[in-house]
Amino acid sequence: MLTGNRTAASFTAVVATGNRAKIDLLRSEFAAVLAVPVKFQGRDPGEAENRAEVGYLPAVRAKVGAVAAQLPGAIVVAHDSGFEFACLDDAPGPLTARYLSEHGFDVLAARLVPDSDVQVVHAVAIAWNGAVHTFRHADERRVVAEPTAQPGSGSLPVAALTRGPRVALRRCVKDAVAWWQSTRPEAEGSGGRWA
């Protein structure tokens, strides 16, 4: 956990997204890990992800890099995730959001085989003090016969099609915080800040 006085001014982190739900998700995950208060604000990375090579790590690197270039000295965080269904030859993977926007939840759900394997991949990038680090973890889950929630219920609808552990994002966040802690002492005099 980050060290510091909880009565001290809180940090502000910038999330490389214009998606309010993603900002709230990361706020919740970081709050569970951090020992000091952190405020989160969003900053749209524009078309950075679309110009990047397809993949979780290239996507988060592109998003965090685009925003960090605009905000030198700020801590910038980006997140990407995807579902790799074994019954679909690991598709849609890093293109999950695009697949859902083009085909919809019902089309994906109709193609799944109950009780088949699915890997839920999360990637987080953190940029600070001129460096970018990425972290990737995955949860091994199974496809359920009946969804546990309906689209629009507040969670990523595809998650309603799976059961099993949900710890990969938290592991990415813990890794990002540990990296930030390890660099913080040497950068104290550089003006580095959460924003």
N, C-alpha and C. Protein backbone atom coordinates (compact mmCIF):
# COMPACT_ATOMS: atom_id res chain seq x y z
N MET A 1 0.83 -1.19 0.00
CA MET A 1 0.00 0.00 0.00
C MET A 1 0.87 1.24 0.00
N LEU A 2 0.32 2.30 -0.49
CA LEU A 2 1.04 3.56 -0.46
C LEU A 2 1.16 4.02 0.97
N THR A 3 2.28 4.64 1.27
CA THR A 3 2.45 5.18 2.61
C THR A 3 2.07 6.64 2.60
N GLY A 4 1.76 7.14 3.75
CA GLY A 4 1.42 8.56 3.84
C GLY A 4 0.37 8.79 4.90
N ASN A 5 0.24 10.02 5.29
CA ASN A 5 -0.71 10.41 6.31
C ASN A 5 -2.09 10.53 5.68
N ARG A 6 -3.06 9.80 6.22
CA ARG A 6 -4.40 9.86 5.66
C ARG A 6 -5.03 11.24 5.80
N THR A 7 -4.49 12.08 6.69
CA THR A 7 -5.04 13.42 6.82
C THR A 7 -4.39 14.39 5.84
N ALA A 8 -3.35 13.94 5.18
CA ALA A 8 -2.69 14.79 4.18
C ALA A 8 -3.61 14.96 2.98
N ALA A 9 -3.31 15.96 2.17
CA ALA A 9 -4.11 16.19 0.96
C ALA A 9 -4.12 14.93 0.11
N SER A 10 -5.25 14.66 -0.49
CA SER A 10 -5.34 13.46 -1.31
C SER A 10 -4.65 13.69 -2.65
N PHE A 11 -4.27 12.58 -3.25
CA PHE A 11 -3.69 12.61 -4.58
C PHE A 11 -4.82 12.66 -5.61
N THR A 12 -4.47 13.05 -6.81
CA THR A 12 -5.41 12.96 -7.93
C THR A 12 -4.74 12.16 -9.03
N ALA A 13 -5.44 11.17 -9.54
CA ALA A 13 -4.93 10.38 -10.66
C ALA A 13 -5.80 10.66 -11.87
N VAL A 14 -5.20 10.58 -13.03
CA VAL A 14 -5.92 10.78 -14.28
C VAL A 14 -6.12 9.42 -14.94
N VAL A 15 -7.35 9.11 -15.26
CA VAL A 15 -7.67 7.86 -15.95
C VAL A 15 -7.81 8.19 -17.43
N ALA A 16 -7.06 7.49 -18.25
CA ALA A 16 -7.06 7.74 -19.70
C ALA A 16 -8.30 7.12 -20.32
N THR A 17 -9.43 7.80 -20.14
CA THR A 17 -10.70 7.36 -20.71
C THR A 17 -11.71 8.49 -20.62
N GLY A 18 -12.69 8.43 -21.47
CA GLY A 18 -13.83 9.32 -21.37
C GLY A 18 -15.05 8.57 -20.85
N ASN A 19 -14.86 7.32 -20.45
CA ASN A 19 -15.93 6.43 -20.01
C ASN A 19 -16.09 6.55 -18.49
N ARG A 20 -17.19 7.14 -18.05
CA ARG A 20 -17.45 7.36 -16.62
C ARG A 20 -17.46 6.04 -15.85
N ALA A 21 -18.04 4.99 -16.42
CA ALA A 21 -18.10 3.70 -15.73
C ALA A 21 -16.69 3.14 -15.49
N LYS A 22 -15.79 3.34 -16.45
CA LYS A 22 -14.41 2.87 -16.28
C LYS A 22 -13.71 3.66 -15.18
N ILE A 23 -13.94 4.97 -15.13
CA ILE A 23 -13.36 5.80 -14.06
C ILE A 23 -13.85 5.30 -12.71
N ASP A 24 -15.14 5.04 -12.59
CA ASP A 24 -15.70 4.55 -11.33
C ASP A 24 -15.14 3.18 -10.96
N LEU A 25 -14.99 2.31 -11.95
CA LEU A 25 -14.42 0.98 -11.70
C LEU A 25 -13.00 1.10 -11.15
N LEU A 26 -12.17 1.91 -11.80
CA LEU A 26 -10.79 2.06 -11.34
C LEU A 26 -10.73 2.76 -9.99
N ARG A 27 -11.59 3.73 -9.75
CA ARG A 27 -11.65 4.39 -8.45
C ARG A 27 -11.90 3.35 -7.36
N SER A 28 -12.85 2.48 -7.59
CA SER A 28 -13.19 1.44 -6.63
C SER A 28 -12.02 0.48 -6.40
N GLU A 29 -11.39 0.04 -7.47
CA GLU A 29 -10.27 -0.90 -7.35
C GLU A 29 -9.07 -0.27 -6.64
N PHE A 30 -8.72 0.97 -6.99
CA PHE A 30 -7.60 1.63 -6.33
C PHE A 30 -7.92 1.93 -4.88
N ALA A 31 -9.16 2.30 -4.56
CA ALA A 31 -9.55 2.58 -3.18
C ALA A 31 -9.37 1.35 -2.30
N ALA A 32 -9.58 0.17 -2.87
CA ALA A 32 -9.42 -1.07 -2.11
C ALA A 32 -7.96 -1.38 -1.82
N VAL A 33 -7.04 -0.76 -2.55
CA VAL A 33 -5.62 -1.06 -2.42
C VAL A 33 -4.84 0.05 -1.71
N LEU A 34 -5.22 1.29 -1.93
CA LEU A 34 -4.44 2.42 -1.45
C LEU A 34 -4.67 2.74 0.02
N ALA A 35 -3.63 3.28 0.67
CA ALA A 35 -3.72 3.70 2.07
C ALA A 35 -3.94 5.20 2.19
N VAL A 36 -3.96 5.91 1.08
CA VAL A 36 -4.21 7.35 1.09
C VAL A 36 -5.36 7.64 0.13
N PRO A 37 -6.11 8.70 0.40
CA PRO A 37 -7.21 9.02 -0.50
C PRO A 37 -6.70 9.43 -1.88
N VAL A 38 -7.38 8.98 -2.90
CA VAL A 38 -7.03 9.35 -4.27
C VAL A 38 -8.31 9.75 -5.00
N LYS A 39 -8.26 10.90 -5.64
CA LYS A 39 -9.36 11.35 -6.49
C LYS A 39 -9.03 10.94 -7.92
N PHE A 40 -10.04 10.58 -8.67
CA PHE A 40 -9.83 10.19 -10.06
C PHE A 40 -10.59 11.13 -10.98
N GLN A 41 -9.92 11.55 -12.04
CA GLN A 41 -10.57 12.33 -13.08
C GLN A 41 -10.26 11.68 -14.42
N GLY A 42 -11.15 11.82 -15.36
CA GLY A 42 -10.95 11.22 -16.67
C GLY A 42 -10.39 12.21 -17.67
N ARG A 43 -9.66 11.67 -18.62
CA ARG A 43 -9.13 12.46 -19.74
C ARG A 43 -9.18 11.56 -20.96
N ASP A 44 -9.94 11.95 -21.95
CA ASP A 44 -10.12 11.13 -23.14
C ASP A 44 -8.81 11.03 -23.93
N PRO A 45 -8.35 9.80 -24.21
CA PRO A 45 -7.11 9.63 -24.98
C PRO A 45 -7.30 9.78 -26.48
N GLY A 46 -8.48 10.16 -26.91
CA GLY A 46 -8.74 10.33 -28.34
C GLY A 46 -8.69 9.00 -29.08
N GLU A 47 -8.05 9.01 -30.23
CA GLU A 47 -7.98 7.83 -31.09
C GLU A 47 -6.74 6.98 -30.83
N ALA A 48 -6.05 7.20 -29.72
CA ALA A 48 -4.79 6.50 -29.45
C ALA A 48 -4.94 4.98 -29.52
N GLU A 49 -5.98 4.45 -28.90
CA GLU A 49 -6.17 3.00 -28.89
C GLU A 49 -6.43 2.46 -30.30
N ASN A 50 -7.17 3.19 -31.10
CA ASN A 50 -7.47 2.74 -32.47
C ASN A 50 -6.23 2.73 -33.35
N ARG A 51 -5.24 3.55 -33.03
CA ARG A 51 -4.00 3.58 -33.82
C ARG A 51 -2.98 2.56 -33.33
N ALA A 52 -3.22 1.97 -32.17
CA ALA A 52 -2.28 1.01 -31.59
C ALA A 52 -2.46 -0.37 -32.21
N GLU A 53 -1.42 -1.18 -32.11
CA GLU A 53 -1.51 -2.59 -32.49
C GLU A 53 -2.61 -3.23 -31.64
N VAL A 54 -3.34 -4.20 -32.19
CA VAL A 54 -4.39 -4.88 -31.44
C VAL A 54 -3.75 -5.70 -30.33
N GLY A 55 -4.23 -5.52 -29.14
CA GLY A 55 -3.74 -6.25 -27.98
C GLY A 55 -3.99 -5.45 -26.72
N TYR A 56 -4.05 -6.14 -25.60
CA TYR A 56 -4.33 -5.48 -24.32
C TYR A 56 -3.22 -4.50 -23.95
N LEU A 57 -1.98 -4.96 -23.96
CA LEU A 57 -0.87 -4.10 -23.54
C LEU A 57 -0.64 -2.94 -24.51
N PRO A 58 -0.66 -3.17 -25.84
CA PRO A 58 -0.54 -2.01 -26.74
C PRO A 58 -1.66 -0.99 -26.53
N ALA A 59 -2.86 -1.46 -26.24
CA ALA A 59 -3.99 -0.54 -26.04
C ALA A 59 -3.78 0.34 -24.82
N VAL A 60 -3.40 -0.27 -23.69
CA VAL A 60 -3.22 0.55 -22.48
C VAL A 60 -2.00 1.46 -22.60
N ARG A 61 -0.94 0.97 -23.25
CA ARG A 61 0.23 1.83 -23.47
C ARG A 61 -0.15 3.05 -24.31
N ALA A 62 -0.91 2.83 -25.37
CA ALA A 62 -1.30 3.94 -26.25
C ALA A 62 -2.17 4.95 -25.51
N LYS A 63 -3.16 4.46 -24.75
CA LYS A 63 -4.05 5.37 -24.04
C LYS A 63 -3.31 6.17 -22.98
N VAL A 64 -2.50 5.48 -22.18
CA VAL A 64 -1.79 6.18 -21.10
C VAL A 64 -0.74 7.13 -21.67
N GLY A 65 -0.10 6.73 -22.75
CA GLY A 65 0.92 7.58 -23.38
C GLY A 65 0.33 8.86 -23.94
N ALA A 66 -0.84 8.75 -24.57
CA ALA A 66 -1.48 9.93 -25.16
C ALA A 66 -1.84 10.96 -24.10
N VAL A 67 -2.37 10.49 -22.98
CA VAL A 67 -2.76 11.42 -21.91
C VAL A 67 -1.55 11.92 -21.14
N ALA A 68 -0.58 11.04 -20.87
CA ALA A 68 0.62 11.47 -20.14
C ALA A 68 1.39 12.54 -20.91
N ALA A 69 1.37 12.48 -22.23
CA ALA A 69 2.06 13.49 -23.04
C ALA A 69 1.43 14.87 -22.84
N GLN A 70 0.15 14.90 -22.53
CA GLN A 70 -0.56 16.17 -22.30
C GLN A 70 -0.39 16.68 -20.87
N LEU A 71 -0.05 15.77 -19.94
CA LEU A 71 0.00 16.11 -18.52
C LEU A 71 1.31 15.64 -17.89
N PRO A 72 2.44 16.22 -18.26
CA PRO A 72 3.71 15.78 -17.69
C PRO A 72 3.69 15.91 -16.17
N GLY A 73 4.21 14.91 -15.49
CA GLY A 73 4.27 14.92 -14.04
C GLY A 73 3.06 14.32 -13.35
N ALA A 74 1.98 14.11 -14.09
CA ALA A 74 0.79 13.51 -13.49
C ALA A 74 0.90 11.99 -13.51
N ILE A 75 0.23 11.36 -12.58
CA ILE A 75 0.10 9.91 -12.64
C ILE A 75 -1.12 9.63 -13.51
N VAL A 76 -0.91 8.85 -14.56
CA VAL A 76 -1.97 8.53 -15.51
C VAL A 76 -2.13 7.01 -15.54
N VAL A 77 -3.37 6.56 -15.48
CA VAL A 77 -3.69 5.14 -15.45
C VAL A 77 -4.63 4.82 -16.61
N ALA A 78 -4.43 3.66 -17.23
CA ALA A 78 -5.34 3.19 -18.28
C ALA A 78 -5.67 1.72 -18.03
N HIS A 79 -6.84 1.30 -18.48
CA HIS A 79 -7.29 -0.07 -18.30
C HIS A 79 -7.90 -0.59 -19.60
N ASP A 80 -7.69 -1.86 -19.86
CA ASP A 80 -8.35 -2.53 -20.97
C ASP A 80 -8.67 -3.94 -20.51
N SER A 81 -9.70 -4.53 -21.07
CA SER A 81 -10.06 -5.90 -20.71
C SER A 81 -10.73 -6.57 -21.90
N GLY A 82 -10.81 -7.88 -21.81
CA GLY A 82 -11.47 -8.62 -22.86
C GLY A 82 -11.76 -10.05 -22.42
N PHE A 83 -12.63 -10.69 -23.16
CA PHE A 83 -13.05 -12.05 -22.87
C PHE A 83 -12.56 -12.96 -23.99
N GLU A 84 -11.82 -14.01 -23.62
CA GLU A 84 -11.30 -14.97 -24.59
C GLU A 84 -12.02 -16.30 -24.38
N PHE A 85 -13.03 -16.54 -25.20
CA PHE A 85 -13.85 -17.73 -25.08
C PHE A 85 -13.22 -18.88 -25.85
N ALA A 86 -12.95 -20.00 -25.16
CA ALA A 86 -12.35 -21.17 -25.81
C ALA A 86 -13.25 -21.68 -26.94
N CYS A 87 -14.56 -21.64 -26.75
CA CYS A 87 -15.48 -22.13 -27.78
C CYS A 87 -15.51 -21.23 -29.02
N LEU A 88 -14.90 -20.05 -28.94
CA LEU A 88 -14.81 -19.13 -30.08
C LEU A 88 -13.35 -18.93 -30.49
N ASP A 89 -12.52 -19.93 -30.20
CA ASP A 89 -11.09 -19.84 -30.52
C ASP A 89 -10.45 -18.59 -29.92
N ASP A 90 -10.79 -18.33 -28.66
CA ASP A 90 -10.26 -17.21 -27.86
C ASP A 90 -10.74 -15.84 -28.32
N ALA A 91 -11.74 -15.79 -29.16
CA ALA A 91 -12.33 -14.50 -29.56
C ALA A 91 -13.38 -14.11 -28.51
N PRO A 92 -13.77 -12.86 -28.45
CA PRO A 92 -13.26 -11.72 -29.19
C PRO A 92 -11.99 -11.10 -28.62
N GLY A 93 -11.56 -11.53 -27.44
CA GLY A 93 -10.28 -11.07 -26.89
C GLY A 93 -10.21 -9.57 -26.72
N PRO A 94 -9.09 -8.97 -27.15
CA PRO A 94 -8.93 -7.52 -26.96
C PRO A 94 -9.92 -6.69 -27.78
N LEU A 95 -10.66 -7.35 -28.65
CA LEU A 95 -11.66 -6.64 -29.46
C LEU A 95 -13.08 -6.82 -28.90
N THR A 96 -13.20 -7.20 -27.64
CA THR A 96 -14.51 -7.46 -27.04
C THR A 96 -15.44 -6.26 -27.16
N ALA A 97 -14.97 -5.08 -26.79
CA ALA A 97 -15.84 -3.89 -26.85
C ALA A 97 -16.30 -3.62 -28.28
N ARG A 98 -15.38 -3.74 -29.22
CA ARG A 98 -15.73 -3.51 -30.62
C ARG A 98 -16.74 -4.56 -31.10
N TYR A 99 -16.51 -5.82 -30.73
CA TYR A 99 -17.42 -6.90 -31.11
C TYR A 99 -18.83 -6.61 -30.59
N LEU A 100 -18.92 -6.21 -29.32
CA LEU A 100 -20.23 -5.94 -28.74
C LEU A 100 -20.91 -4.75 -29.41
N SER A 101 -20.15 -3.73 -29.76
CA SER A 101 -20.77 -2.56 -30.41
C SER A 101 -21.25 -2.90 -31.82
N GLU A 102 -20.57 -3.83 -32.49
CA GLU A 102 -20.96 -4.19 -33.86
C GLU A 102 -22.03 -5.27 -33.91
N HIS A 103 -21.97 -6.24 -32.97
CA HIS A 103 -22.86 -7.40 -33.05
C HIS A 103 -23.87 -7.48 -31.92
N GLY A 104 -23.54 -6.93 -30.78
CA GLY A 104 -24.45 -6.94 -29.64
C GLY A 104 -24.26 -8.14 -28.72
N PHE A 105 -24.77 -7.97 -27.53
CA PHE A 105 -24.69 -8.97 -26.47
C PHE A 105 -25.38 -10.27 -26.86
N ASP A 106 -26.57 -10.17 -27.43
CA ASP A 106 -27.36 -11.37 -27.74
C ASP A 106 -26.67 -12.27 -28.77
N VAL A 107 -26.00 -11.67 -29.75
CA VAL A 107 -25.28 -12.46 -30.76
C VAL A 107 -24.13 -13.21 -30.10
N LEU A 108 -23.39 -12.53 -29.24
CA LEU A 108 -22.29 -13.20 -28.54
C LEU A 108 -22.83 -14.33 -27.66
N ALA A 109 -23.85 -14.04 -26.87
CA ALA A 109 -24.41 -15.03 -25.95
C ALA A 109 -24.89 -16.27 -26.70
N ALA A 110 -25.47 -16.09 -27.87
CA ALA A 110 -25.99 -17.22 -28.66
C ALA A 110 -24.88 -18.13 -29.17
N ARG A 111 -23.68 -17.61 -29.31
CA ARG A 111 -22.57 -18.40 -29.86
C ARG A 111 -21.81 -19.18 -28.78
N LEU A 112 -22.07 -18.91 -27.51
CA LEU A 112 -21.29 -19.52 -26.44
C LEU A 112 -21.79 -20.92 -26.09
N VAL A 113 -20.86 -21.75 -25.62
CA VAL A 113 -21.15 -23.12 -25.21
C VAL A 113 -21.10 -23.16 -23.69
N PRO A 114 -22.24 -23.49 -23.02
CA PRO A 114 -22.24 -23.54 -21.56
C PRO A 114 -21.14 -24.46 -21.02
N ASP A 115 -20.56 -24.04 -19.93
CA ASP A 115 -19.51 -24.74 -19.19
C ASP A 115 -18.17 -24.79 -19.93
N SER A 116 -18.03 -24.04 -21.01
CA SER A 116 -16.73 -23.97 -21.68
C SER A 116 -15.86 -22.93 -20.98
N ASP A 117 -14.56 -23.00 -21.24
CA ASP A 117 -13.61 -22.10 -20.59
C ASP A 117 -13.63 -20.71 -21.21
N VAL A 118 -13.37 -19.73 -20.37
CA VAL A 118 -13.19 -18.35 -20.81
C VAL A 118 -12.12 -17.72 -19.94
N GLN A 119 -11.24 -17.01 -20.58
CA GLN A 119 -10.22 -16.26 -19.86
C GLN A 119 -10.62 -14.79 -19.92
N VAL A 120 -10.74 -14.16 -18.75
CA VAL A 120 -11.07 -12.74 -18.67
C VAL A 120 -9.77 -12.00 -18.38
N VAL A 121 -9.31 -11.25 -19.35
CA VAL A 121 -8.00 -10.60 -19.28
C VAL A 121 -8.17 -9.13 -18.91
N HIS A 122 -7.33 -8.67 -17.99
CA HIS A 122 -7.28 -7.25 -17.61
C HIS A 122 -5.85 -6.77 -17.79
N ALA A 123 -5.71 -5.57 -18.31
CA ALA A 123 -4.40 -4.93 -18.43
C ALA A 123 -4.52 -3.51 -17.89
N VAL A 124 -3.50 -3.10 -17.15
CA VAL A 124 -3.43 -1.75 -16.60
C VAL A 124 -2.07 -1.18 -16.95
N ALA A 125 -2.06 0.08 -17.35
CA ALA A 125 -0.80 0.80 -17.55
C ALA A 125 -0.81 1.99 -16.60
N ILE A 126 0.37 2.32 -16.10
CA ILE A 126 0.54 3.50 -15.26
C ILE A 126 1.73 4.28 -15.79
N ALA A 127 1.53 5.56 -15.96
CA ALA A 127 2.61 6.44 -16.43
C ALA A 127 2.88 7.47 -15.34
N TRP A 128 4.16 7.64 -15.04
CA TRP A 128 4.54 8.65 -14.06
C TRP A 128 6.03 8.92 -14.19
N ASN A 129 6.38 10.16 -14.07
CA ASN A 129 7.78 10.55 -14.03
C ASN A 129 8.54 10.08 -15.28
N GLY A 130 7.87 10.10 -16.42
CA GLY A 130 8.51 9.75 -17.68
C GLY A 130 8.56 8.27 -18.01
N ALA A 131 8.02 7.44 -17.14
CA ALA A 131 8.05 5.99 -17.37
C ALA A 131 6.63 5.46 -17.51
N VAL A 132 6.50 4.39 -18.29
CA VAL A 132 5.22 3.70 -18.43
C VAL A 132 5.45 2.23 -18.10
N HIS A 133 4.62 1.69 -17.24
CA HIS A 133 4.69 0.27 -16.92
C HIS A 133 3.32 -0.35 -17.13
N THR A 134 3.31 -1.60 -17.60
CA THR A 134 2.06 -2.30 -17.86
C THR A 134 2.00 -3.58 -17.04
N PHE A 135 0.77 -3.97 -16.74
CA PHE A 135 0.53 -5.17 -15.94
C PHE A 135 -0.66 -5.90 -16.54
N ARG A 136 -0.57 -7.23 -16.60
CA ARG A 136 -1.63 -8.04 -17.22
C ARG A 136 -1.87 -9.26 -16.36
N HIS A 137 -3.12 -9.51 -16.05
CA HIS A 137 -3.52 -10.71 -15.32
C HIS A 137 -4.83 -11.21 -15.92
N ALA A 138 -5.12 -12.48 -15.69
CA ALA A 138 -6.35 -13.06 -16.24
C ALA A 138 -7.03 -13.94 -15.21
N ASP A 139 -8.34 -13.96 -15.27
CA ASP A 139 -9.15 -14.87 -14.46
C ASP A 139 -9.59 -16.02 -15.35
N GLU A 140 -9.48 -17.23 -14.83
CA GLU A 140 -9.97 -18.42 -15.54
C GLU A 140 -11.40 -18.65 -15.09
N ARG A 141 -12.33 -18.54 -15.99
CA ARG A 141 -13.75 -18.63 -15.67
C ARG A 141 -14.43 -19.66 -16.56
N ARG A 142 -15.74 -19.85 -16.37
CA ARG A 142 -16.53 -20.78 -17.17
C ARG A 142 -17.78 -20.06 -17.66
N VAL A 143 -18.25 -20.46 -18.83
CA VAL A 143 -19.49 -19.92 -19.38
C VAL A 143 -20.67 -20.54 -18.63
N VAL A 144 -21.63 -19.73 -18.25
CA VAL A 144 -22.82 -20.22 -17.56
C VAL A 144 -23.93 -20.47 -18.57
N ALA A 145 -24.88 -21.32 -18.18
CA ALA A 145 -26.00 -21.62 -19.07
C ALA A 145 -26.99 -20.45 -19.14
N GLU A 146 -27.18 -19.77 -18.02
CA GLU A 146 -28.10 -18.63 -17.96
C GLU A 146 -27.36 -17.42 -17.41
N PRO A 147 -27.45 -16.27 -18.07
CA PRO A 147 -26.78 -15.06 -17.57
C PRO A 147 -27.25 -14.69 -16.17
N THR A 148 -26.34 -14.16 -15.35
CA THR A 148 -26.67 -13.74 -13.99
C THR A 148 -27.19 -12.31 -13.95
N ALA A 149 -27.09 -11.58 -15.03
CA ALA A 149 -27.60 -10.21 -15.11
C ALA A 149 -27.94 -9.91 -16.56
N GLN A 150 -28.69 -8.90 -16.75
CA GLN A 150 -29.08 -8.49 -18.10
C GLN A 150 -28.24 -7.30 -18.54
N PRO A 151 -28.07 -7.09 -19.83
CA PRO A 151 -27.34 -5.92 -20.31
C PRO A 151 -27.93 -4.65 -19.70
N GLY A 152 -27.05 -3.72 -19.38
CA GLY A 152 -27.48 -2.46 -18.80
C GLY A 152 -27.67 -2.52 -17.30
N SER A 153 -27.29 -3.64 -16.67
CA SER A 153 -27.49 -3.78 -15.23
C SER A 153 -26.38 -3.12 -14.42
N GLY A 154 -25.46 -2.43 -15.07
CA GLY A 154 -24.41 -1.74 -14.35
C GLY A 154 -23.06 -2.40 -14.45
N SER A 155 -23.01 -3.66 -14.84
CA SER A 155 -21.72 -4.33 -15.00
C SER A 155 -21.54 -4.65 -16.48
N LEU A 156 -20.31 -4.97 -16.85
CA LEU A 156 -20.07 -5.35 -18.23
C LEU A 156 -20.95 -6.56 -18.52
N PRO A 157 -21.85 -6.48 -19.49
CA PRO A 157 -22.80 -7.56 -19.70
C PRO A 157 -22.16 -8.92 -19.91
N VAL A 158 -21.00 -8.97 -20.55
CA VAL A 158 -20.37 -10.25 -20.83
C VAL A 158 -20.01 -10.97 -19.53
N ALA A 159 -19.69 -10.22 -18.49
CA ALA A 159 -19.36 -10.84 -17.21
C ALA A 159 -20.53 -11.66 -16.68
N ALA A 160 -21.74 -11.28 -17.05
CA ALA A 160 -22.93 -12.02 -16.61
C ALA A 160 -23.01 -13.40 -17.25
N LEU A 161 -22.20 -13.66 -18.26
CA LEU A 161 -22.19 -14.95 -18.95
C LEU A 161 -21.15 -15.91 -18.38
N THR A 162 -20.44 -15.48 -17.33
CA THR A 162 -19.36 -16.30 -16.80
C THR A 162 -19.46 -16.45 -15.29
N ARG A 163 -18.78 -17.48 -14.78
CA ARG A 163 -18.68 -17.66 -13.33
C ARG A 163 -17.23 -18.03 -13.02
N GLY A 164 -16.81 -17.71 -11.82
CA GLY A 164 -15.45 -18.02 -11.40
C GLY A 164 -14.79 -16.81 -10.77
N PRO A 165 -13.49 -16.90 -10.54
CA PRO A 165 -12.79 -15.83 -9.83
C PRO A 165 -12.82 -14.50 -10.58
N ARG A 166 -12.80 -13.43 -9.81
CA ARG A 166 -12.76 -12.07 -10.36
C ARG A 166 -11.70 -11.28 -9.60
N VAL A 167 -10.45 -11.64 -9.82
CA VAL A 167 -9.36 -10.99 -9.08
C VAL A 167 -8.29 -10.38 -9.98
N ALA A 168 -8.37 -10.59 -11.27
CA ALA A 168 -7.29 -10.15 -12.17
C ALA A 168 -7.11 -8.63 -12.18
N LEU A 169 -8.20 -7.88 -12.22
CA LEU A 169 -8.06 -6.42 -12.21
C LEU A 169 -7.43 -5.95 -10.91
N ARG A 170 -7.85 -6.51 -9.79
CA ARG A 170 -7.27 -6.12 -8.50
C ARG A 170 -5.77 -6.42 -8.48
N ARG A 171 -5.36 -7.55 -9.05
CA ARG A 171 -3.93 -7.87 -9.11
C ARG A 171 -3.17 -6.86 -9.95
N CYS A 172 -3.75 -6.43 -11.07
CA CYS A 172 -3.12 -5.39 -11.89
C CYS A 172 -2.95 -4.10 -11.10
N VAL A 173 -4.00 -3.72 -10.37
CA VAL A 173 -3.95 -2.48 -9.58
C VAL A 173 -2.89 -2.59 -8.49
N LYS A 174 -2.84 -3.73 -7.81
CA LYS A 174 -1.81 -3.91 -6.77
C LYS A 174 -0.42 -3.80 -7.37
N ASP A 175 -0.21 -4.38 -8.53
CA ASP A 175 1.10 -4.28 -9.20
C ASP A 175 1.43 -2.84 -9.56
N ALA A 176 0.43 -2.10 -10.05
CA ALA A 176 0.66 -0.70 -10.43
C ALA A 176 1.01 0.13 -9.21
N VAL A 177 0.31 -0.09 -8.11
CA VAL A 177 0.60 0.66 -6.88
C VAL A 177 1.99 0.29 -6.36
N ALA A 178 2.34 -0.99 -6.40
CA ALA A 178 3.68 -1.40 -5.95
C ALA A 178 4.76 -0.76 -6.80
N TRP A 179 4.55 -0.70 -8.12
CA TRP A 179 5.53 -0.04 -8.98
C TRP A 179 5.64 1.43 -8.61
N TRP A 180 4.50 2.10 -8.42
CA TRP A 180 4.51 3.52 -8.07
C TRP A 180 5.27 3.73 -6.76
N GLN A 181 5.01 2.88 -5.77
CA GLN A 181 5.72 2.98 -4.49
C GLN A 181 7.22 2.84 -4.69
N SER A 182 7.63 1.92 -5.54
CA SER A 182 9.06 1.66 -5.71
C SER A 182 9.77 2.83 -6.40
N THR A 183 9.05 3.62 -7.16
CA THR A 183 9.67 4.75 -7.85
C THR A 183 9.51 6.05 -7.09
N ARG A 184 8.58 6.10 -6.18
CA ARG A 184 8.23 7.34 -5.49
C ARG A 184 9.39 7.96 -4.72
N PRO A 185 10.14 7.22 -3.91
CA PRO A 185 11.22 7.87 -3.14
C PRO A 185 12.23 8.60 -4.01
N GLU A 186 12.61 8.01 -5.14
CA GLU A 186 13.61 8.65 -5.99
C GLU A 186 13.04 9.82 -6.78
N ALA A 187 11.72 9.94 -6.86
CA ALA A 187 11.12 11.00 -7.65
C ALA A 187 10.50 12.11 -6.80
N GLU A 188 10.61 12.01 -5.47
CA GLU A 188 9.97 12.99 -4.60
C GLU A 188 10.32 14.42 -4.97
N GLY A 189 11.58 14.67 -5.30
CA GLY A 189 11.99 16.03 -5.61
C GLY A 189 11.67 16.47 -7.02
N SER A 190 11.11 15.57 -7.83
CA SER A 190 10.88 15.90 -9.24
C SER A 190 9.54 16.57 -9.48
N GLY A 191 8.75 16.73 -8.42
CA GLY A 191 7.44 17.34 -8.59
C GLY A 191 6.38 16.34 -9.03
N GLY A 192 6.73 15.04 -9.04
CA GLY A 192 5.76 14.03 -9.43
C GLY A 192 4.55 14.08 -8.53
N ARG A 193 3.39 13.89 -9.09
CA ARG A 193 2.17 13.96 -8.34
C ARG A 193 1.12 13.10 -9.03
N TRP A 194 0.05 12.79 -8.33
CA TRP A 194 -1.04 12.05 -8.94
C TRP A 194 -1.79 12.93 -9.91
N ALA A 195 -1.60 14.21 -9.97
CA ALA A 195 -2.05 15.13 -11.04
C ALA A 195 -1.93 16.56 -10.59
